[in-house]
Amino acid sequence: MIRRLFALVLAVAAGLAACKSERRPPPRPAATATVAPLAPVAPAVTTAEPEKPEWSYSSVGKRDPFRSFLSDLQASGPALVTRCNAPLGRFELEQLKLVAVITGLADPVAMLEAPNGVGYSVRRGACLGKNGGVVAAVRSGEVVVSEWAIRADGTRDRTQTVLKLPKEATLNLEEQP
């Protein structure tokens, strides 16, 4: 009985060993006939698009879209300073009132009244207004002020504002008899 049991275990072990061995495909028979080569074929034209590289974004050398362009203009240098340090530089041009004009001199003089009631005399070339305006001309009954305005695209434009005397303050000596 031990011999039969031993033979059975040996047979099962041999069967398992046979199952674990690799199965190889049967070898192909060698070709005995020679095949004539075909005529050369032109390469097929493919219309497939070439492989595109993967896209990536780099912010190197680009402006920060969340920072104001005006801060870039102010940082570029003192040439773009448009403020006036004179006492009349604290007010907008619309707040200033032309009170008197004296012409007939080599350098005409005008008197402007600030909103706080203080009067100032100005001549051609005087600085006034919050945008750094300069008095371009003092004429009979008016003062011409030129300012630099900065547009949204960063370019600068020259604008001219005319401050006129009120009708009742105008004194024209030529009309009197």
C-alpha atoms as a PDB file:
ATOM      1  CA  MET A   1       0.000   0.000   0.000  1.00  0.00           C
ATOM      2  CA  ILE A   2       2.795   2.400   0.706  1.00  0.00           C
ATOM      3  CA  ARG A   3       4.225   1.519  -2.676  1.00  0.00           C
ATOM      4  CA  ARG A   4       0.992   2.393  -4.411  1.00  0.00           C
ATOM      5  CA  LEU A   5       0.674   5.633  -2.515  1.00  0.00           C
ATOM      6  CA  PHE A   6       4.259   6.514  -3.354  1.00  0.00           C
ATOM      7  CA  ALA A   7       3.686   5.724  -7.027  1.00  0.00           C
ATOM      8  CA  LEU A   8       0.537   7.870  -7.042  1.00  0.00           C
ATOM      9  CA  VAL A   9       2.344  10.850  -5.516  1.00  0.00           C
ATOM     10  CA  LEU A  10       5.161  10.386  -8.012  1.00  0.00           C
ATOM     11  CA  ALA A  11       2.711  10.313 -10.931  1.00  0.00           C
ATOM     12  CA  VAL A  12       0.931  13.478  -9.731  1.00  0.00           C
ATOM     13  CA  ALA A  13       4.269  15.275  -9.314  1.00  0.00           C
ATOM     14  CA  ALA A  14       5.338  14.265 -12.825  1.00  0.00           C
ATOM     15  CA  GLY A  15       2.000  15.470 -14.224  1.00  0.00           C
ATOM     16  CA  LEU A  16       2.337  18.834 -12.499  1.00  0.00           C
ATOM     17  CA  ALA A  17       5.881  19.206 -13.743  1.00  0.00           C
ATOM     18  CA  ALA A  18       4.691  18.569 -17.282  1.00  0.00           C
ATOM     19  CA  CYS A  19       1.971  21.228 -16.944  1.00  0.00           C
ATOM     20  CA  LYS A  20       4.401  23.889 -15.785  1.00  0.00           C
ATOM     21  CA  SER A  21       6.794  23.518 -18.720  1.00  0.00           C
ATOM     22  CA  GLU A  22       6.558  26.157 -21.462  1.00  0.00           C
ATOM     23  CA  ARG A  23       4.787  25.324 -24.606  1.00  0.00           C
ATOM     24  CA  ARG A  24       6.740  26.277 -27.661  1.00  0.00           C
ATOM     25  CA  PRO A  25       5.114  26.671 -31.035  1.00  0.00           C
ATOM     26  CA  PRO A  26       6.004  23.926 -33.442  1.00  0.00           C
ATOM     27  CA  PRO A  27       8.865  24.850 -35.766  1.00  0.00           C
ATOM     28  CA  ARG A  28       7.887  26.037 -39.236  1.00  0.00           C
ATOM     29  CA  PRO A  29       8.940  23.995 -42.156  1.00  0.00           C
ATOM     30  CA  ALA A  30      11.706  25.576 -44.206  1.00  0.00           C
ATOM     31  CA  ALA A  31      10.557  27.126 -47.485  1.00  0.00           C
ATOM     32  CA  THR A  32      11.992  25.264 -50.412  1.00  0.00           C
ATOM     33  CA  ALA A  33      10.463  27.374 -53.185  1.00  0.00           C
ATOM     34  CA  THR A  34      12.056  30.707 -54.111  1.00  0.00           C
ATOM     35  CA  VAL A  35       9.783  33.742 -54.372  1.00  0.00           C
ATOM     36  CA  ALA A  36      10.425  36.316 -57.091  1.00  0.00           C
ATOM     37  CA  PRO A  37      10.882  39.843 -55.695  1.00  0.00           C
ATOM     38  CA  LEU A  38       8.122  42.343 -56.453  1.00  0.00           C
ATOM     39  CA  ALA A  39       8.658  45.592 -58.336  1.00  0.00           C
ATOM     40  CA  PRO A  40       9.765  48.471 -56.113  1.00  0.00           C
ATOM     41  CA  VAL A  41       6.820  50.359 -54.685  1.00  0.00           C
ATOM     42  CA  ALA A  42       6.868  54.173 -54.221  1.00  0.00           C
ATOM     43  CA  PRO A  43       6.436  55.239 -50.620  1.00  0.00           C
ATOM     44  CA  ALA A  44       2.835  56.003 -49.758  1.00  0.00           C
ATOM     45  CA  VAL A  45       1.985  59.686 -49.302  1.00  0.00           C
ATOM     46  CA  THR A  46       0.461  60.219 -45.904  1.00  0.00           C
ATOM     47  CA  THR A  47      -1.803  63.156 -45.188  1.00  0.00           C
ATOM     48  CA  ALA A  48      -1.551  62.760 -41.454  1.00  0.00           C
ATOM     49  CA  GLU A  49      -0.583  65.988 -39.662  1.00  0.00           C
ATOM     50  CA  PRO A  50       2.802  66.044 -37.998  1.00  0.00           C
ATOM     51  CA  GLU A  51       2.762  65.645 -34.260  1.00  0.00           C
ATOM     52  CA  LYS A  52       2.329  69.022 -32.564  1.00  0.00           C
ATOM     53  CA  PRO A  53       4.433  69.809 -29.524  1.00  0.00           C
ATOM     54  CA  GLU A  54       2.605  70.159 -26.250  1.00  0.00           C
ATOM     55  CA  TRP A  55       1.722  73.829 -25.578  1.00  0.00           C
ATOM     56  CA  SER A  56       2.887  75.568 -22.428  1.00  0.00           C
ATOM     57  CA  TYR A  57       2.666  79.199 -21.267  1.00  0.00           C
ATOM     58  CA  SER A  58       5.584  81.226 -19.989  1.00  0.00           C
ATOM     59  CA  SER A  59       5.163  84.686 -18.485  1.00  0.00           C
ATOM     60  CA  VAL A  60       8.813  85.594 -18.910  1.00  0.00           C
ATOM     61  CA  GLY A  61       9.135  89.020 -20.514  1.00  0.00           C
ATOM     62  CA  LYS A  62       5.395  89.748 -20.428  1.00  0.00           C
ATOM     63  CA  ARG A  63       3.561  92.463 -18.525  1.00  0.00           C
ATOM     64  CA  ASP A  64       1.536  91.534 -15.435  1.00  0.00           C
ATOM     65  CA  PRO A  65      -2.120  91.901 -16.579  1.00  0.00           C
ATOM     66  CA  PHE A  66      -3.289  92.752 -13.054  1.00  0.00           C
ATOM     67  CA  ARG A  67      -0.951  95.732 -12.581  1.00  0.00           C
ATOM     68  CA  SER A  68      -1.901  99.164 -13.896  1.00  0.00           C
ATOM     69  CA  PHE A  69      -0.028 100.349 -16.987  1.00  0.00           C
ATOM     70  CA  LEU A  70       0.222 103.784 -15.383  1.00  0.00           C
ATOM     71  CA  SER A  71       2.500 102.367 -12.685  1.00  0.00           C
ATOM     72  CA  ASP A  72       4.838 101.211 -15.477  1.00  0.00           C
ATOM     73  CA  LEU A  73       4.822 104.715 -16.960  1.00  0.00           C
ATOM     74  CA  GLN A  74       5.617 106.323 -13.603  1.00  0.00           C
ATOM     75  CA  ALA A  75       8.440 103.865 -12.988  1.00  0.00           C
ATOM     76  CA  SER A  76      10.029 104.573 -16.376  1.00  0.00           C
ATOM     77  CA  GLY A  77      11.502 107.890 -15.290  1.00  0.00           C
ATOM     78  CA  PRO A  78      11.045 111.480 -14.203  1.00  0.00           C
ATOM     79  CA  ALA A  79      10.392 112.678 -17.774  1.00  0.00           C
ATOM     80  CA  LEU A  80       6.715 111.744 -17.404  1.00  0.00           C
ATOM     81  CA  VAL A  81       6.119 113.797 -14.241  1.00  0.00           C
ATOM     82  CA  THR A  82       3.052 115.919 -14.880  1.00  0.00           C
ATOM     83  CA  ARG A  83       2.434 117.385 -11.442  1.00  0.00           C
ATOM     84  CA  CYS A  84       2.899 121.013 -10.576  1.00  0.00           C
ATOM     85  CA  ASN A  85       4.510 122.016  -7.270  1.00  0.00           C
ATOM     86  CA  ALA A  86       3.086 125.564  -7.349  1.00  0.00           C
ATOM     87  CA  PRO A  87       0.149 126.472  -5.078  1.00  0.00           C
ATOM     88  CA  LEU A  88      -2.170 126.456  -8.105  1.00  0.00           C
ATOM     89  CA  GLY A  89      -1.093 122.857  -8.811  1.00  0.00           C
ATOM     90  CA  ARG A  90      -3.391 121.578  -6.064  1.00  0.00           C
ATOM     91  CA  PHE A  91      -6.558 122.443  -8.019  1.00  0.00           C
ATOM     92  CA  GLU A  92      -8.196 121.297 -11.232  1.00  0.00           C
ATOM     93  CA  LEU A  93      -8.363 123.859 -14.032  1.00  0.00           C
ATOM     94  CA  GLU A  94     -12.162 123.882 -13.827  1.00  0.00           C
ATOM     95  CA  GLN A  95     -11.941 125.029 -10.194  1.00  0.00           C
ATOM     96  CA  LEU A  96      -9.862 128.102 -11.044  1.00  0.00           C
ATOM     97  CA  LYS A  97     -11.632 131.350 -11.923  1.00  0.00           C
ATOM     98  CA  LEU A  98     -10.133 134.029 -14.161  1.00  0.00           C
ATOM     99  CA  VAL A  99     -10.661 137.380 -12.446  1.00  0.00           C
ATOM    100  CA  ALA A 100      -8.555 139.904 -14.373  1.00  0.00           C
ATOM    101  CA  VAL A 101      -6.253 140.204 -17.384  1.00  0.00           C
ATOM    102  CA  ILE A 102      -3.715 142.982 -17.951  1.00  0.00           C
ATOM    103  CA  THR A 103      -2.579 143.218 -21.559  1.00  0.00           C
ATOM    104  CA  GLY A 104      -0.538 145.866 -23.330  1.00  0.00           C
ATOM    105  CA  LEU A 105       2.647 144.886 -21.496  1.00  0.00           C
ATOM    106  CA  ALA A 106       5.605 143.021 -22.927  1.00  0.00           C
ATOM    107  CA  ASP A 107       4.629 140.105 -20.649  1.00  0.00           C
ATOM    108  CA  PRO A 108       0.829 140.138 -20.008  1.00  0.00           C
ATOM    109  CA  VAL A 109      -0.424 139.176 -16.534  1.00  0.00           C
ATOM    110  CA  ALA A 110      -3.627 137.413 -15.489  1.00  0.00           C
ATOM    111  CA  MET A 111      -5.163 136.965 -12.042  1.00  0.00           C
ATOM    112  CA  LEU A 112      -6.719 133.633 -11.096  1.00  0.00           C
ATOM    113  CA  GLU A 113      -8.831 132.974  -8.021  1.00  0.00           C
ATOM    114  CA  ALA A 114      -8.535 129.589  -6.306  1.00  0.00           C
ATOM    115  CA  PRO A 115     -11.580 127.866  -4.744  1.00  0.00           C
ATOM    116  CA  ASN A 116     -10.395 128.932  -1.287  1.00  0.00           C
ATOM    117  CA  GLY A 117     -10.698 132.611  -2.329  1.00  0.00           C
ATOM    118  CA  VAL A 118      -6.990 133.401  -2.662  1.00  0.00           C
ATOM    119  CA  GLY A 119      -5.891 135.236  -5.816  1.00  0.00           C
ATOM    120  CA  TYR A 120      -2.732 134.438  -7.762  1.00  0.00           C
ATOM    121  CA  SER A 121      -1.077 136.307 -10.626  1.00  0.00           C
ATOM    122  CA  VAL A 122       0.202 134.206 -13.504  1.00  0.00           C
ATOM    123  CA  ARG A 123       2.281 134.917 -16.587  1.00  0.00           C
ATOM    124  CA  ARG A 124       3.144 132.878 -19.660  1.00  0.00           C
ATOM    125  CA  GLY A 125       5.032 129.696 -18.632  1.00  0.00           C
ATOM    126  CA  ALA A 126       3.481 129.464 -15.141  1.00  0.00           C
ATOM    127  CA  CYS A 127       2.550 125.984 -13.904  1.00  0.00           C
ATOM    128  CA  LEU A 128      -1.015 125.322 -12.731  1.00  0.00           C
ATOM    129  CA  GLY A 129      -3.536 122.509 -12.412  1.00  0.00           C
ATOM    130  CA  LYS A 130      -3.263 118.926 -11.174  1.00  0.00           C
ATOM    131  CA  ASN A 131      -2.157 117.649 -14.594  1.00  0.00           C
ATOM    132  CA  GLY A 132       0.864 119.957 -14.757  1.00  0.00           C
ATOM    133  CA  GLY A 133      -0.628 122.526 -17.096  1.00  0.00           C
ATOM    134  CA  VAL A 134       1.459 125.435 -18.369  1.00  0.00           C
ATOM    135  CA  VAL A 135       0.118 128.873 -19.303  1.00  0.00           C
ATOM    136  CA  ALA A 136       0.659 129.009 -23.061  1.00  0.00           C
ATOM    137  CA  ALA A 137      -0.760 132.484 -23.696  1.00  0.00           C
ATOM    138  CA  VAL A 138      -2.359 135.393 -21.866  1.00  0.00           C
ATOM    139  CA  ARG A 139      -4.719 137.180 -24.244  1.00  0.00           C
ATOM    140  CA  SER A 140      -7.325 139.854 -23.885  1.00  0.00           C
ATOM    141  CA  GLY A 141     -10.084 138.294 -21.779  1.00  0.00           C
ATOM    142  CA  GLU A 142      -8.658 134.739 -21.684  1.00  0.00           C
ATOM    143  CA  VAL A 143      -5.806 132.517 -20.585  1.00  0.00           C
ATOM    144  CA  VAL A 144      -4.774 129.449 -22.631  1.00  0.00           C
ATOM    145  CA  VAL A 145      -3.416 126.512 -20.619  1.00  0.00           C
ATOM    146  CA  SER A 146      -1.821 123.491 -22.302  1.00  0.00           C
ATOM    147  CA  GLU A 147      -1.642 120.122 -20.526  1.00  0.00           C
ATOM    148  CA  TRP A 148      -0.346 116.649 -21.297  1.00  0.00           C
ATOM    149  CA  ALA A 149      -2.959 113.913 -20.998  1.00  0.00           C
ATOM    150  CA  ILE A 150      -1.979 110.233 -20.836  1.00  0.00           C
ATOM    151  CA  ARG A 151      -4.249 107.924 -22.836  1.00  0.00           C
ATOM    152  CA  ALA A 152      -5.133 104.342 -21.962  1.00  0.00           C
ATOM    153  CA  ASP A 153      -2.583 102.977 -24.445  1.00  0.00           C
ATOM    154  CA  GLY A 154       0.228 104.988 -22.812  1.00  0.00           C
ATOM    155  CA  THR A 155       0.600 107.710 -25.430  1.00  0.00           C
ATOM    156  CA  ARG A 156       0.630 111.349 -24.410  1.00  0.00           C
ATOM    157  CA  ASP A 157      -1.538 114.026 -26.038  1.00  0.00           C
ATOM    158  CA  ARG A 158      -1.368 117.773 -25.617  1.00  0.00           C
ATOM    159  CA  THR A 159      -4.691 119.390 -24.742  1.00  0.00           C
ATOM    160  CA  GLN A 160      -5.502 123.074 -24.474  1.00  0.00           C
ATOM    161  CA  THR A 161      -7.976 124.617 -22.069  1.00  0.00           C
ATOM    162  CA  VAL A 162      -9.126 128.218 -22.328  1.00  0.00           C
ATOM    163  CA  LEU A 163     -10.085 130.049 -19.145  1.00  0.00           C
ATOM    164  CA  LYS A 164     -12.266 133.066 -20.024  1.00  0.00           C
ATOM    165  CA  LEU A 165     -13.326 136.119 -18.079  1.00  0.00           C
ATOM    166  CA  PRO A 166     -17.010 136.261 -17.150  1.00  0.00           C
ATOM    167  CA  LYS A 167     -19.055 138.627 -19.356  1.00  0.00           C
ATOM    168  CA  GLU A 168     -19.678 141.155 -16.561  1.00  0.00           C
ATOM    169  CA  ALA A 169     -15.943 141.380 -15.714  1.00  0.00           C
ATOM    170  CA  THR A 170     -14.878 142.157 -19.270  1.00  0.00           C
ATOM    171  CA  LEU A 171     -13.893 145.772 -19.651  1.00  0.00           C
ATOM    172  CA  ASN A 172     -13.422 146.871 -23.224  1.00  0.00           C
ATOM    173  CA  LEU A 173     -12.172 150.445 -23.439  1.00  0.00           C
ATOM    174  CA  GLU A 174     -12.606 150.610 -27.209  1.00  0.00           C
ATOM    175  CA  GLU A 175     -16.427 150.432 -27.024  1.00  0.00           C
ATOM    176  CA  GLN A 176     -16.798 153.435 -24.679  1.00  0.00           C
ATOM    177  CA  PRO A 177     -17.366 156.892 -26.254  1.00  0.00           C
END
